[in-house]
């Protein structure tokens, strides 16, 4: 197809709506950051209990990602996002009204189902409507939305806690500040639900479902006169016997799942093994452990969120120019260096009389600089690029099932890292924890070199698996 007939405005609208799911993914993940003290006080939980309260959402994420990937091949990408929007609303309201760990965990798991579904389906949906030459840039906007959600969660937490005098203090209408931190999410969740009715179903799902007339109509709106040619290409990329995509398509008699799926599983796991969500979920606790006050710790989160958005813009600019693989390699080595620096600084810190880590002025500044450089490296590389690759690396026949197993890997690893951090904090300290994350960052570079395949500029119909 030599002539570009893409309807840029329509594609942009679709991507914008889909990325609201990414914003909610980020907000729902980050809002817990400022509520940990409130949860400990309200539910009188110990370190392990607090870890489970924080990590419970991730169980829902793992289930949501796995079943969203499989169900997306049955009921459609947009239908899954609509279900996710409803779950976001239920979780935001319920987490704020919870009176004990049990009901709080139920509502957080519902939110996790939504986050897991949005995390894999939104980038896949964007990949399936975006032209190949701009697909990386448009899909990377999903990561900007995720980080924007985190940023606004951090900012609203900071403002609410600052106004109330602390996350455990009363804020408005007789409710504690930490409850309002969850309720703020209701506004974007309702907006997401309404906006989803303005966009069409993925044309590649429609073709796989045998709805060629509807697919042609959507492709016509997306790419004009090139639509019939693209319809034929999509049809040719599916299974020879024309069966609908299904989970067992990903199976392999020798390896369990196909090699391309193992690459997806590895990319998804390594994105979490570098410890990024420790910063997202426990940032306030981390910086207080390093000697900062709660107010300053929450402010540092806001600064880190702003830095993250700027870093994502770098990825948006570069990903379709230099490719996915080079960015992943730069990120791996950059994160290994900055995580190693933090590990050394934290390991050299002294313990105060209250058992808290005490850093001198220079050491505290070094840790803060290294932490923000780490966040920059992650969000300019692995943050968006892993999701871009998951959305585009699988052939059309395998995309739903590939996303299912990769998404499950991502969130199970996330759960393990999040659950272990409070235990690691009291056993091997911040220095030991960050040393482990640095080692995984280094290993991820070798994984990228050995196993990943560049996807820049390739049509989805040209992906091999």
Protein backbone atom coordinates (compact mmCIF):
# COMPACT_ATOMS: atom_id res chain seq x y z
CA UNK A 1 0.00 0.00 0.00
CA UNK A 2 1.93 2.99 -1.25
CA UNK A 3 -0.61 5.71 -0.77
CA UNK A 4 -1.32 6.77 2.80
CA UNK A 5 -5.05 7.20 3.30
CA UNK A 6 -5.10 6.95 7.09
CA UNK A 7 -7.85 8.90 8.84
CA UNK A 8 -5.48 10.45 11.39
CA UNK A 9 -8.17 12.22 13.39
CA UNK A 10 -10.25 9.08 13.85
CA UNK A 11 -7.23 6.95 14.77
CA UNK A 12 -6.14 9.63 17.26
CA UNK A 13 -9.61 9.70 18.85
CA UNK A 14 -9.60 5.92 19.28
CA UNK A 15 -6.13 5.97 20.82
CA UNK A 16 -7.06 8.81 23.15
CA UNK A 17 -10.09 6.96 24.47
CA UNK A 18 -8.18 3.69 24.86
CA UNK A 19 -5.42 5.40 26.81
CA UNK A 20 -7.89 6.58 29.46
CA UNK A 21 -7.69 2.93 30.49
CA UNK A 22 -3.95 3.42 30.89
CA UNK A 23 -4.56 6.52 33.03
CA UNK A 24 -6.83 4.49 35.31
CA UNK A 25 -4.26 1.67 35.35
CA UNK A 26 -1.71 4.17 36.66
CA UNK A 27 -4.04 5.96 39.06
CA UNK A 28 -5.39 2.76 40.59
CA UNK A 29 -1.85 1.40 40.96
CA UNK A 30 -0.39 4.59 42.43
CA UNK A 31 -3.20 5.73 44.72
CA UNK A 32 -2.29 3.04 47.27
CA UNK A 33 1.06 4.80 47.72
CA UNK A 34 -0.28 7.52 49.99
CA UNK A 35 -2.83 5.36 51.82
CA UNK A 36 -0.51 2.82 53.48
CA UNK A 37 -0.39 4.62 56.83
CA UNK A 38 -4.18 5.03 56.79
CA UNK A 39 -4.67 1.34 56.04
CA UNK A 40 -2.32 0.31 58.85
CA UNK A 41 -4.20 2.46 61.34
CA UNK A 42 -7.72 1.65 60.11
CA UNK A 43 -7.17 -2.10 59.85
CA UNK A 44 -4.45 -2.47 62.56
CA UNK A 45 -2.31 -4.57 60.21
CA UNK A 46 1.33 -5.66 60.60
CA UNK A 47 4.01 -5.61 57.84
CA UNK A 48 2.79 -8.82 56.21
CA UNK A 49 -0.86 -7.72 56.43
CA UNK A 50 -0.01 -4.32 54.99
CA UNK A 51 1.93 -5.97 52.19
CA UNK A 52 -1.10 -8.09 51.31
CA UNK A 53 -3.47 -5.10 51.48
CA UNK A 54 -1.20 -3.30 49.01
CA UNK A 55 -0.49 -6.34 46.83
CA UNK A 56 -4.02 -7.81 46.84
CA UNK A 57 -4.93 -5.78 43.76
CA UNK A 58 -2.18 -7.57 41.88
CA UNK A 59 -3.91 -10.93 42.28
CA UNK A 60 -6.86 -9.42 40.44
CA UNK A 61 -4.46 -7.96 37.87
CA UNK A 62 -3.01 -11.39 37.10
CA UNK A 63 -6.46 -12.95 36.70
CA UNK A 64 -7.76 -9.94 34.77
CA UNK A 65 -4.84 -9.92 32.34
CA UNK A 66 -5.08 -13.65 31.66
CA UNK A 67 -8.82 -13.81 31.11
CA UNK A 68 -8.96 -10.49 29.27
CA UNK A 69 -6.51 -11.87 26.73
CA UNK A 70 -8.58 -15.00 26.17
CA UNK A 71 -12.01 -13.34 26.35
CA UNK A 72 -10.91 -10.58 23.98
CA UNK A 73 -10.83 -13.20 21.23
CA UNK A 74 -14.42 -14.17 22.08
CA UNK A 75 -16.31 -10.96 22.88
CA UNK A 76 -13.99 -8.27 21.54
CA UNK A 77 -11.42 -5.71 22.65
CA UNK A 78 -13.87 -2.87 23.24
CA UNK A 79 -16.24 -5.10 25.23
CA UNK A 80 -13.40 -6.03 27.60
CA UNK A 81 -12.53 -2.35 28.10
CA UNK A 82 -16.19 -1.56 28.92
CA UNK A 83 -16.21 -4.29 31.57
CA UNK A 84 -12.93 -2.89 32.93
CA UNK A 85 -14.43 0.61 33.19
CA UNK A 86 -17.33 -0.71 35.29
CA UNK A 87 -14.89 -2.54 37.57
CA UNK A 88 -12.79 0.61 37.99
CA UNK A 89 -15.88 2.46 39.23
CA UNK A 90 -16.81 -0.31 41.67
CA UNK A 91 -13.27 -0.52 43.03
CA UNK A 92 -12.79 3.23 43.49
CA UNK A 93 -16.01 3.52 45.49
CA UNK A 94 -15.64 0.32 47.46
CA UNK A 95 -12.00 0.82 48.49
CA UNK A 96 -12.95 4.11 50.07
CA UNK A 97 -15.92 2.75 52.04
CA UNK A 98 -14.12 -0.40 53.27
CA UNK A 99 -14.22 -0.93 57.04
CA UNK A 100 -11.82 -3.88 57.28
CA UNK A 101 -9.10 -5.74 55.40
CA UNK A 102 -11.49 -8.36 54.00
CA UNK A 103 -13.86 -6.01 52.16
CA UNK A 104 -10.98 -3.69 51.22
CA UNK A 105 -9.18 -6.61 49.57
CA UNK A 106 -12.33 -7.60 47.66
CA UNK A 107 -12.68 -4.12 46.18
CA UNK A 108 -8.96 -3.89 45.41
CA UNK A 109 -9.11 -7.25 43.63
CA UNK A 110 -12.00 -5.89 41.51
CA UNK A 111 -9.79 -2.93 40.66
CA UNK A 112 -7.02 -5.37 39.87
CA UNK A 113 -9.23 -7.22 37.39
CA UNK A 114 -9.80 -3.87 35.66
CA UNK A 115 -6.12 -2.89 35.71
CA UNK A 116 -5.04 -6.30 34.41
CA UNK A 117 -7.56 -6.16 31.58
CA UNK A 118 -6.70 -2.58 30.62
CA UNK A 119 -2.96 -3.27 30.80
CA UNK A 120 -3.00 -5.87 28.03
CA UNK A 121 -6.06 -4.93 25.95
CA UNK A 122 -5.57 -1.16 25.61
CA UNK A 123 -2.11 -1.40 23.95
CA UNK A 124 -3.24 -4.36 21.83
CA UNK A 125 -6.33 -2.45 20.71
CA UNK A 126 -4.22 0.60 19.81
CA UNK A 127 -1.79 -1.62 17.87
CA UNK A 128 -4.69 -3.10 15.91
CA UNK A 129 -6.00 0.28 14.71
CA UNK A 130 -2.75 2.25 14.30
CA UNK A 131 -0.71 2.40 11.06
CA UNK A 132 2.60 0.49 11.29
CA UNK A 133 4.88 3.51 10.85
CA UNK A 134 3.29 5.31 13.85
CA UNK A 135 2.25 2.27 15.90
CA UNK A 136 5.09 2.52 18.40
CA UNK A 137 4.49 6.21 19.04
CA UNK A 138 0.73 5.82 19.44
CA UNK A 139 1.05 2.76 21.68
CA UNK A 140 3.68 4.51 23.81
CA UNK A 141 1.04 7.12 24.66
CA UNK A 142 -0.48 4.35 26.77
CA UNK A 143 2.59 4.51 29.03
CA UNK A 144 2.34 8.30 29.20
CA UNK A 145 -1.26 7.81 30.32
CA UNK A 146 -0.17 5.24 32.92
CA UNK A 147 2.46 7.58 34.33
CA UNK A 148 0.03 10.51 34.17
CA UNK A 149 -2.39 8.42 36.21
CA UNK A 150 0.37 7.72 38.72
CA UNK A 151 1.33 11.40 38.77
CA UNK A 152 -2.22 12.58 39.43
CA UNK A 153 -2.67 9.90 42.08
CA UNK A 154 0.51 11.12 43.79
CA UNK A 155 -0.54 14.75 43.38
CA UNK A 156 -4.07 14.23 44.70
CA UNK A 157 -2.68 12.16 47.60
CA UNK A 158 -0.24 14.95 48.42
CA UNK A 159 -2.89 17.69 48.24
CA UNK A 160 -5.50 15.75 50.21
CA UNK A 161 -3.03 14.68 52.90
CA UNK A 162 -1.61 18.21 53.06
CA UNK A 163 -5.05 19.76 53.47
CA UNK A 164 -6.16 17.22 56.08
CA UNK A 165 -2.86 17.31 57.99
CA UNK A 166 -2.00 13.67 57.20
CA UNK A 167 -3.44 10.63 55.42
CA UNK A 168 -5.08 9.37 58.65
CA UNK A 169 -6.78 12.68 59.48
CA UNK A 170 -10.34 13.72 58.62
CA UNK A 171 -10.66 15.44 55.25
CA UNK A 172 -14.32 16.07 54.39
CA UNK A 173 -17.82 14.92 55.41
CA UNK A 174 -16.40 12.96 58.34
CA UNK A 175 -14.21 10.64 56.25
CA UNK A 176 -10.45 10.20 56.54
CA UNK A 177 -8.14 11.59 53.86
CA UNK A 178 -7.03 8.13 52.66
CA UNK A 179 -10.61 7.24 51.71
CA UNK A 180 -10.93 10.33 49.56
CA UNK A 181 -7.71 9.37 47.80
CA UNK A 182 -9.58 6.38 46.35
CA UNK A 183 -12.80 8.28 45.58
CA UNK A 184 -11.02 10.78 43.35
CA UNK A 185 -10.70 7.99 40.78
CA UNK A 186 -14.46 7.91 40.17
CA UNK A 187 -14.36 10.90 37.79
CA UNK A 188 -11.95 9.46 35.17
CA UNK A 189 -13.50 5.98 35.52
CA UNK A 190 -16.97 7.28 34.61
CA UNK A 191 -15.48 9.32 31.73
CA UNK A 192 -13.76 6.18 30.40
CA UNK A 193 -17.00 4.19 30.44
CA UNK A 194 -18.91 6.85 28.51
CA UNK A 195 -16.12 7.48 25.98
CA UNK A 196 -15.83 3.80 25.04
CA UNK A 197 -19.22 3.97 23.35
CA UNK A 198 -17.74 6.47 20.85
CA UNK A 199 -15.18 4.10 19.34
CA UNK A 200 -15.55 0.95 17.16
CA UNK A 201 -14.46 -2.62 17.72
CA UNK A 202 -11.01 -3.69 16.50
CA UNK A 203 -11.18 -4.58 12.80
CA UNK A 204 -8.76 -7.48 13.31
CA UNK A 205 -11.07 -8.98 15.94
CA UNK A 206 -14.01 -8.55 13.57
CA UNK A 207 -12.19 -10.39 10.79
CA UNK A 208 -11.20 -13.21 13.16
CA UNK A 209 -14.87 -13.46 14.18
CA UNK A 210 -16.01 -13.77 10.58
CA UNK A 211 -17.67 -10.31 10.57
CA UNK A 212 -15.96 -9.15 7.40
CA UNK A 213 -18.59 -6.56 6.43
CA UNK A 214 -18.28 -4.81 9.79
CA UNK A 215 -14.50 -5.08 9.63
CA UNK A 216 -14.45 -3.50 6.17
CA UNK A 217 -16.65 -0.65 7.42
CA UNK A 218 -14.28 0.05 10.33
CA UNK A 219 -11.20 -0.25 8.11
CA UNK A 220 -12.84 2.16 5.69
CA UNK A 221 -13.16 4.73 8.47
CA UNK A 222 -9.57 4.09 9.54
CA UNK A 223 -7.76 3.99 6.21
CA UNK A 224 -10.13 4.95 3.39
CA UNK A 225 -9.64 3.35 -0.02
CA UNK A 226 -6.91 1.00 1.24
CA UNK A 227 -9.43 -0.90 3.38
CA UNK A 228 -10.17 -3.84 0.99
CA UNK A 229 -6.47 -4.58 0.56
CA UNK A 230 -5.87 -4.55 4.33
CA UNK A 231 -8.92 -6.78 4.88
CA UNK A 232 -7.41 -9.37 2.53
CA UNK A 233 -4.05 -9.19 4.35
CA UNK A 234 -5.70 -9.75 7.74
CA UNK A 235 -7.68 -12.72 6.41
CA UNK A 236 -4.50 -14.28 4.97
CA UNK A 237 -2.68 -13.91 8.31
CA UNK A 238 -5.16 -16.06 10.22
CA UNK A 239 -5.18 -19.85 10.60
CA UNK A 240 -5.43 -21.81 7.36
CA UNK A 241 -8.57 -23.62 8.54
CA UNK A 242 -10.11 -20.25 9.46
CA UNK A 243 -10.90 -21.23 13.05
CA UNK A 244 -11.30 -18.38 15.52
CA UNK A 245 -8.28 -17.56 17.70
CA UNK A 246 -8.25 -19.62 20.89
CA UNK A 247 -6.00 -20.16 23.91
CA UNK A 248 -4.66 -23.54 22.77
CA UNK A 249 -3.23 -21.91 19.63
CA UNK A 250 -0.34 -20.77 21.83
CA UNK A 251 0.54 -24.30 23.02
CA UNK A 252 3.68 -26.12 21.95
CA UNK A 253 4.19 -29.90 22.45
CA UNK A 254 7.85 -29.55 23.47
CA UNK A 255 8.09 -26.16 25.22
CA UNK A 256 4.59 -25.92 26.71
CA UNK A 257 3.93 -22.68 24.89
CA UNK A 258 5.41 -21.38 21.64
CA UNK A 259 8.85 -19.67 21.74
CA UNK A 260 7.29 -16.29 20.88
CA UNK A 261 5.08 -16.64 23.96
CA UNK A 262 8.10 -17.38 26.17
CA UNK A 263 9.68 -14.16 24.91
CA UNK A 264 6.52 -12.29 25.92
CA UNK A 265 6.54 -13.98 29.33
CA UNK A 266 10.19 -13.04 29.83
CA UNK A 267 9.76 -9.40 28.78
CA UNK A 268 6.75 -9.04 31.06
CA UNK A 269 8.55 -10.60 34.05
CA UNK A 270 11.75 -8.59 33.67
CA UNK A 271 9.79 -5.33 33.57
CA UNK A 272 8.76 -6.08 37.16
CA UNK A 273 11.93 -7.79 38.43
CA UNK A 274 13.79 -4.45 38.22
CA UNK A 275 11.61 -3.29 41.13
CA UNK A 276 9.82 -0.36 39.51
CA UNK A 277 6.55 -0.93 41.32
CA UNK A 278 8.28 -0.77 44.68
CA UNK A 279 8.75 2.91 43.82
CA UNK A 280 5.15 3.22 42.60
CA UNK A 281 3.44 1.42 45.50
CA UNK A 282 5.82 2.06 48.40
CA UNK A 283 7.45 5.34 47.42
CA UNK A 284 6.21 7.17 50.51
CA UNK A 285 7.31 4.33 52.81
CA UNK A 286 10.66 4.04 51.04
CA UNK A 287 11.56 7.70 51.40
CA UNK A 288 10.41 7.82 55.01
CA UNK A 289 12.65 4.82 55.63
CA UNK A 290 15.45 6.87 54.08
CA UNK A 291 14.85 9.64 56.60
CA UNK A 292 12.35 11.96 54.88
CA UNK A 293 9.11 13.15 56.51
CA UNK A 294 5.74 11.93 55.20
CA UNK A 295 5.09 15.34 53.62
CA UNK A 296 8.45 15.38 51.84
CA UNK A 297 8.09 11.72 50.82
CA UNK A 298 4.73 12.43 49.14
CA UNK A 299 6.23 15.49 47.43
CA UNK A 300 9.11 13.37 46.10
CA UNK A 301 6.49 11.06 44.57
CA UNK A 302 4.95 14.02 42.75
CA UNK A 303 8.36 15.08 41.41
CA UNK A 304 9.10 11.50 40.31
CA UNK A 305 5.75 11.35 38.54
CA UNK A 306 6.49 14.53 36.61
CA UNK A 307 9.95 13.26 35.66
CA UNK A 308 8.37 9.99 34.48
CA UNK A 309 5.99 11.76 32.09
CA UNK A 310 8.92 13.65 30.53
CA UNK A 311 10.84 10.38 30.14
CA UNK A 312 7.86 8.73 28.39
CA UNK A 313 7.85 11.56 25.85
CA UNK A 314 11.43 10.59 24.97
CA UNK A 315 10.26 7.05 24.21
CA UNK A 316 7.36 8.38 22.14
CA UNK A 317 9.80 10.38 20.03
CA UNK A 318 12.41 7.62 19.58
CA UNK A 319 10.58 4.28 19.44
CA UNK A 320 9.60 4.47 15.75
CA UNK A 321 12.96 6.03 14.82
CA UNK A 322 15.57 3.80 16.45
CA UNK A 323 13.42 0.78 17.28
CA UNK A 324 12.32 -1.22 20.30
CA UNK A 325 15.40 -3.37 20.95
CA UNK A 326 17.97 -0.54 21.29
CA UNK A 327 15.72 1.27 23.77
CA UNK A 328 15.33 -1.87 25.89
CA UNK A 329 19.11 -2.34 26.01
CA UNK A 330 19.76 1.27 27.03
CA UNK A 331 17.13 0.90 29.74
CA UNK A 332 18.57 -2.33 31.11
CA UNK A 333 22.10 -0.98 31.50
CA UNK A 334 20.91 2.41 32.78
CA UNK A 335 18.68 0.83 35.42
CA UNK A 336 21.44 -1.57 36.50
CA UNK A 337 23.78 1.39 37.09
CA UNK A 338 21.28 3.58 38.96
CA UNK A 339 19.85 0.74 41.04
CA UNK A 340 23.37 -0.30 41.96
CA UNK A 341 24.11 3.26 43.06
CA UNK A 342 21.02 3.33 45.29
CA UNK A 343 21.93 -0.06 46.75
CA UNK A 344 25.38 1.20 47.74
CA UNK A 345 24.06 4.46 49.22
CA UNK A 346 21.34 2.71 51.23
CA UNK A 347 23.74 0.00 52.39
CA UNK A 348 26.13 2.65 53.75
CA UNK A 349 23.38 4.48 55.66
CA UNK A 350 23.30 4.33 59.45
CA UNK A 351 20.37 3.24 61.59
CA UNK A 352 18.98 5.83 63.98
CA UNK A 353 17.79 5.26 67.54
CA UNK A 354 14.29 4.48 66.26
CA UNK A 355 15.65 1.86 63.86
CA UNK A 356 15.00 4.03 60.78
CA UNK A 357 17.64 4.46 58.09
CA UNK A 358 19.49 7.76 58.38
CA UNK A 359 21.24 9.26 55.35
CA UNK A 360 23.52 12.28 55.44
CA UNK A 361 22.76 15.28 53.25
CA UNK A 362 25.08 14.17 50.46
CA UNK A 363 23.98 10.54 50.61
CA UNK A 364 20.30 11.52 50.64
CA UNK A 365 20.84 13.76 47.59
CA UNK A 366 22.74 10.99 45.79
CA UNK A 367 19.91 8.54 46.47
CA UNK A 368 17.30 11.02 45.26
CA UNK A 369 19.22 11.74 42.04
CA UNK A 370 19.85 8.04 41.36
CA UNK A 371 16.20 7.19 42.03
CA UNK A 372 14.96 9.78 39.55
CA UNK A 373 17.52 8.71 36.93
CA UNK A 374 16.32 5.14 37.43
CA UNK A 375 12.72 6.26 36.88
CA UNK A 376 13.83 8.14 33.74
CA UNK A 377 15.60 5.09 32.31
CA UNK A 378 12.60 2.87 33.03
CA UNK A 379 9.96 5.19 31.61
CA UNK A 380 11.99 6.08 28.51
CA UNK A 381 12.53 2.41 27.71
CA UNK A 382 11.08 -0.67 29.44
CA UNK A 383 7.97 1.09 30.72
CA UNK A 384 6.39 1.80 27.33
CA UNK A 385 8.41 -0.51 25.07
CA UNK A 386 7.45 -3.74 26.86
CA UNK A 387 3.74 -2.93 26.39
CA UNK A 388 4.35 -1.87 22.78
CA UNK A 389 6.02 -5.18 22.02
CA UNK A 390 3.35 -7.24 23.74
CA UNK A 391 0.70 -5.44 21.70
CA UNK A 392 2.41 -6.03 18.35
CA UNK A 393 4.88 -8.96 18.52
CA UNK A 394 2.31 -11.77 18.27
CA UNK A 395 0.71 -12.88 14.97
CA UNK A 396 -3.00 -12.07 14.64
CA UNK A 397 -3.97 -15.67 15.37
CA UNK A 398 -1.98 -15.69 18.63
CA UNK A 399 -2.37 -12.14 19.93
CA UNK A 400 -5.10 -12.81 22.47
CA UNK A 401 -3.54 -15.98 23.88
CA UNK A 402 -0.05 -14.45 23.81
CA UNK A 403 -1.29 -11.46 25.77
CA UNK A 404 -3.01 -13.80 28.23
CA UNK A 405 0.14 -15.68 29.25
CA UNK A 406 2.38 -12.59 29.10
CA UNK A 407 -0.04 -10.50 31.14
CA UNK A 408 -0.30 -13.28 33.71
CA UNK A 409 3.50 -13.36 33.96
CA UNK A 410 3.70 -9.59 34.39
CA UNK A 411 1.22 -9.38 37.23
CA UNK A 412 2.29 -12.53 39.08
CA UNK A 413 5.85 -11.19 39.11
CA UNK A 414 4.54 -7.79 40.20
CA UNK A 415 2.64 -9.45 43.06
CA UNK A 416 5.72 -11.33 44.23
CA UNK A 417 7.95 -8.25 44.18
CA UNK A 418 5.34 -6.15 45.99
CA UNK A 419 4.62 -8.75 48.66
CA UNK A 420 8.29 -9.36 49.37
CA UNK A 421 9.36 -5.73 49.69
CA UNK A 422 8.13 -5.10 53.28
CA UNK A 423 9.82 -8.34 54.35
CA UNK A 424 13.03 -7.43 52.50
CA UNK A 425 12.94 -3.97 54.05
CA UNK A 426 13.12 -5.46 57.56
CA UNK A 427 15.50 -8.33 56.72
CA UNK A 428 18.14 -7.19 54.21
CA UNK A 429 17.27 -3.48 54.14
CA UNK A 430 16.92 -1.07 51.22
CA UNK A 431 20.50 -1.70 50.12
CA UNK A 432 19.97 -5.45 49.75
CA UNK A 433 16.62 -5.05 48.01
CA UNK A 434 17.94 -2.60 45.45
CA UNK A 435 21.03 -4.73 44.88
CA UNK A 436 18.76 -7.62 43.83
CA UNK A 437 16.80 -5.36 41.46
CA UNK A 438 20.11 -4.16 39.92
CA UNK A 439 21.14 -7.76 39.16
CA UNK A 440 17.83 -8.45 37.41
CA UNK A 441 18.23 -5.26 35.34
CA UNK A 442 21.61 -6.52 34.14
CA UNK A 443 20.23 -9.97 33.31
CA UNK A 444 17.40 -8.37 31.31
CA UNK A 445 19.95 -6.88 28.90
CA UNK A 446 21.23 -10.34 28.00
CA UNK A 447 17.64 -11.58 27.57
CA UNK A 448 16.92 -8.79 25.09
CA UNK A 449 20.13 -9.46 23.12
CA UNK A 450 19.51 -13.19 22.93
CA UNK A 451 15.76 -13.61 22.44
CA UNK A 452 13.92 -10.49 21.23
CA UNK A 453 13.17 -9.60 17.61
CA UNK A 454 12.87 -6.04 16.34
CA UNK A 455 9.29 -5.14 15.32
CA UNK A 456 9.76 -1.53 14.19
CA UNK A 457 7.91 -0.78 10.97
CA UNK A 458 6.48 -4.28 10.50
CA UNK A 459 2.80 -4.76 9.75
CA UNK A 460 0.94 -6.90 12.29
CA UNK A 461 0.22 -9.34 9.47
CA UNK A 462 4.00 -9.86 9.06
CA UNK A 463 4.64 -10.95 12.67
CA UNK A 464 5.96 -14.50 13.00
CA UNK A 465 5.26 -16.94 15.81
